C-alpha atoms as a PDB file:
ATOM      1  CA  MET A   1       7.880   4.622 -18.987  1.00  0.00           C
ATOM      2  CA  ARG A   2       5.599   1.964 -17.525  1.00  0.00           C
ATOM      3  CA  LEU A   3       2.172   1.534 -19.067  1.00  0.00           C
ATOM      4  CA  ILE A   4       0.707  -0.251 -16.048  1.00  0.00           C
ATOM      5  CA  PRO A   5       1.159   1.381 -12.622  1.00  0.00           C
ATOM      6  CA  THR A   6       2.710  -0.748  -9.888  1.00  0.00           C
ATOM      7  CA  ALA A   7       1.348  -1.333  -6.399  1.00  0.00           C
ATOM      8  CA  ILE A   8       2.359  -3.133  -3.226  1.00  0.00           C
ATOM      9  CA  GLY A   9      -0.190  -4.583  -0.833  1.00  0.00           C
ATOM     10  CA  TYR A  10       0.307  -3.945   2.875  1.00  0.00           C
ATOM     11  CA  LEU A  11      -1.345  -5.234   6.007  1.00  0.00           C
ATOM     12  CA  ARG A  12      -0.634  -5.884   9.642  1.00  0.00           C
ATOM     13  CA  SER A  13      -1.310  -9.488  10.560  1.00  0.00           C
ATOM     14  CA  ASP A  14      -2.234  -8.512  14.122  1.00  0.00           C
ATOM     15  CA  VAL A  15      -4.885  -6.114  12.793  1.00  0.00           C
ATOM     16  CA  SER A  16      -6.252  -8.542  10.182  1.00  0.00           C
ATOM     17  CA  GLY A  17      -6.234 -11.516  12.538  1.00  0.00           C
ATOM     18  CA  ILE A  18      -8.244 -14.400  11.126  1.00  0.00           C
ATOM     19  CA  ARG A  19      -9.311 -12.164   8.218  1.00  0.00           C
ATOM     20  CA  GLN A  20      -5.773 -11.957   6.821  1.00  0.00           C
ATOM     21  CA  SER A  21      -6.460 -14.243   3.856  1.00  0.00           C
ATOM     22  CA  TRP A  22      -9.644 -12.278   3.056  1.00  0.00           C
ATOM     23  CA  ASP A  23      -7.795  -8.960   3.382  1.00  0.00           C
ATOM     24  CA  GLU A  24      -5.121 -10.201   0.963  1.00  0.00           C
ATOM     25  CA  THR A  25      -7.836 -11.238  -1.499  1.00  0.00           C
ATOM     26  CA  GLN A  26      -9.472  -7.805  -1.198  1.00  0.00           C
ATOM     27  CA  ILE A  27      -6.125  -6.093  -1.863  1.00  0.00           C
ATOM     28  CA  ARG A  28      -5.539  -8.207  -4.999  1.00  0.00           C
ATOM     29  CA  SER A  29      -9.070  -7.604  -6.222  1.00  0.00           C
ATOM     30  CA  LEU A  30      -8.921  -3.828  -5.747  1.00  0.00           C
ATOM     31  CA  ALA A  31      -5.509  -3.625  -7.426  1.00  0.00           C
ATOM     32  CA  GLY A  32      -6.900  -5.427 -10.452  1.00  0.00           C
ATOM     33  CA  ARG A  33     -10.054  -3.294 -10.597  1.00  0.00           C
ATOM     34  CA  LEU A  34      -7.981  -0.113 -10.451  1.00  0.00           C
ATOM     35  CA  GLY A  35      -5.522  -1.323 -13.111  1.00  0.00           C
ATOM     36  CA  TYR A  36      -2.462  -1.794 -10.898  1.00  0.00           C
ATOM     37  CA  ASN A  37       0.146  -4.501 -11.271  1.00  0.00           C
ATOM     38  CA  LEU A  38       0.311  -5.813  -7.686  1.00  0.00           C
ATOM     39  CA  THR A  39       3.909  -6.955  -7.303  1.00  0.00           C
ATOM     40  CA  LYS A  40       3.652  -8.275  -3.737  1.00  0.00           C
ATOM     41  CA  THR A  41       1.712  -8.081  -0.510  1.00  0.00           C
ATOM     42  CA  VAL A  42       3.649  -7.446   2.680  1.00  0.00           C
ATOM     43  CA  ALA A  43       2.312  -8.615   6.044  1.00  0.00           C
ATOM     44  CA  PHE A  44       4.021  -7.305   9.160  1.00  0.00           C
ATOM     45  CA  SER A  45       3.113  -8.163  12.720  1.00  0.00           C
ATOM     46  CA  GLY A  46       2.694  -5.855  15.688  1.00  0.00           C
ATOM     47  CA  ARG A  47       6.205  -6.864  16.742  1.00  0.00           C
ATOM     48  CA  THR A  48       7.841  -5.759  13.486  1.00  0.00           C
ATOM     49  CA  CYS A  49      10.434  -3.094  14.160  1.00  0.00           C
ATOM     50  CA  ASP A  50       9.598   0.139  12.279  1.00  0.00           C
ATOM     51  CA  PRO A  51       7.133  -1.323   9.756  1.00  0.00           C
ATOM     52  CA  VAL A  52       6.535   2.015   8.011  1.00  0.00           C
ATOM     53  CA  ALA A  53      10.241   2.516   7.283  1.00  0.00           C
ATOM     54  CA  ARG A  54      10.448  -1.036   5.946  1.00  0.00           C
ATOM     55  CA  LEU A  55       7.358  -0.493   3.797  1.00  0.00           C
ATOM     56  CA  ILE A  56       8.770   2.756   2.399  1.00  0.00           C
ATOM     57  CA  THR A  57      12.006   0.993   1.457  1.00  0.00           C
ATOM     58  CA  MET A  58      10.043  -1.762  -0.283  1.00  0.00           C
ATOM     59  CA  ALA A  59       7.859   0.762  -2.127  1.00  0.00           C
ATOM     60  CA  ARG A  60      10.908   2.670  -3.334  1.00  0.00           C
ATOM     61  CA  ASP A  61      12.719  -0.500  -4.392  1.00  0.00           C
ATOM     62  CA  ALA A  62       9.646  -1.654  -6.349  1.00  0.00           C
ATOM     63  CA  HIS A  63       9.082   1.831  -7.825  1.00  0.00           C
ATOM     64  CA  ALA A  64       5.519   1.473  -6.539  1.00  0.00           C
ATOM     65  CA  ASP A  65       2.989   4.089  -7.534  1.00  0.00           C
ATOM     66  CA  ALA A  66       0.639   2.977  -4.757  1.00  0.00           C
ATOM     67  CA  VAL A  67       0.348   0.990  -1.549  1.00  0.00           C
ATOM     68  CA  ILE A  68      -2.983  -0.790  -1.145  1.00  0.00           C
ATOM     69  CA  THR A  69      -4.123  -1.648   2.370  1.00  0.00           C
ATOM     70  CA  PRO A  70      -7.356  -2.976   3.898  1.00  0.00           C
ATOM     71  CA  GLY A  71      -7.853   0.257   5.889  1.00  0.00           C
ATOM     72  CA  ILE A  72      -6.079   2.978   7.821  1.00  0.00           C
ATOM     73  CA  THR A  73      -6.289   0.860  10.969  1.00  0.00           C
ATOM     74  CA  HIS A  74      -3.274  -0.972   9.524  1.00  0.00           C
ATOM     75  CA  PHE A  75      -1.395   2.315  10.051  1.00  0.00           C
ATOM     76  CA  ASP A  76      -2.776   2.874  13.560  1.00  0.00           C
ATOM     77  CA  GLY A  77      -5.456   5.208  12.201  1.00  0.00           C
ATOM     78  CA  ALA A  78      -3.425   7.705  10.158  1.00  0.00           C
ATOM     79  CA  ILE A  79      -1.527   7.537   6.880  1.00  0.00           C
ATOM     80  CA  PRO A  80       2.146   8.269   7.640  1.00  0.00           C
ATOM     81  CA  ALA A  81       3.282  11.451   5.872  1.00  0.00           C
ATOM     82  CA  GLU A  82       6.618   9.890   4.984  1.00  0.00           C
ATOM     83  CA  LEU A  83       4.809   7.082   3.118  1.00  0.00           C
ATOM     84  CA  ASP A  84       2.481   9.561   1.407  1.00  0.00           C
ATOM     85  CA  ALA A  85       5.596  11.285   0.039  1.00  0.00           C
ATOM     86  CA  VAL A  86       6.635   8.052  -1.710  1.00  0.00           C
ATOM     87  CA  ALA A  87       3.400   6.493  -3.018  1.00  0.00           C
ATOM     88  CA  ALA A  88      -0.340   7.002  -3.041  1.00  0.00           C
ATOM     89  CA  VAL A  89      -2.086   4.996  -0.322  1.00  0.00           C
ATOM     90  CA  ILE A  90      -5.337   3.296  -1.311  1.00  0.00           C
ATOM     91  CA  THR A  91      -7.636   1.689   1.252  1.00  0.00           C
ATOM     92  CA  VAL A  92     -10.083  -1.117   0.517  1.00  0.00           C
ATOM     93  CA  ALA A  93     -12.451   0.033   3.276  1.00  0.00           C
ATOM     94  CA  PRO A  94     -14.514   1.966   3.822  1.00  0.00           C
ATOM     95  CA  LYS A  95     -16.166   1.358   0.476  1.00  0.00           C
ATOM     96  CA  PRO A  96     -15.798   2.826  -2.033  1.00  0.00           C
ATOM     97  CA  ALA A  97     -12.020   2.653  -1.870  1.00  0.00           C
ATOM     98  CA  SER A  98     -10.289   5.785  -0.604  1.00  0.00           C
ATOM     99  CA  THR A  99      -7.100   7.165  -2.106  1.00  0.00           C
ATOM    100  CA  PHE A 100      -4.695   9.296  -0.143  1.00  0.00           C
ATOM    101  CA  GLY A 101      -2.677  11.076  -2.840  1.00  0.00           C
ATOM    102  CA  ARG A 102       1.028  11.319  -2.935  1.00  0.00           C
ATOM    103  CA  SER A 103       2.245  14.768  -1.965  1.00  0.00           C
ATOM    104  CA  ARG A 104       5.058  14.683  -4.527  1.00  0.00           C
ATOM    105  CA  PRO A 105       5.985  12.326  -7.382  1.00  0.00           C
ATOM    106  CA  ASN A 106       8.472   9.575  -6.631  1.00  0.00           C
ATOM    107  CA  GLU A 107      11.694   9.211  -8.539  1.00  0.00           C
ATOM    108  CA  SER A 108      10.280   6.648 -10.977  1.00  0.00           C
ATOM    109  CA  THR A 109       7.635   9.027 -12.318  1.00  0.00           C
ATOM    110  CA  ALA A 110       9.595  12.277 -11.978  1.00  0.00           C
ATOM    111  CA  SER A 111      12.081  11.250 -14.672  1.00  0.00           C
ATOM    112  CA  SER A 112       9.428  10.075 -17.148  1.00  0.00           C
END
């Protein structure tokens, strides 16, 4: 059983644009404030093939409890249900941070 929950940061570089470095800082800061161990931040571009599927694979491999993102615009305006089934999604903006809860526990917490 892990004492500190794990998170992955996620953003789309084409959505962040010149704010990418700031968005990454905001993700790290929010993870720390919420008590998550941020294992990595993933930045995909608009040309990335199936970014949600890739993110889900990374979240499962990392046994992530949450994915932290600057906002839902990085998911084209809606949290993908298939991601929600794997990890909670937490957005930096709008403030205060919003959490979109996982609809079922992932394998790492189900066996605890």
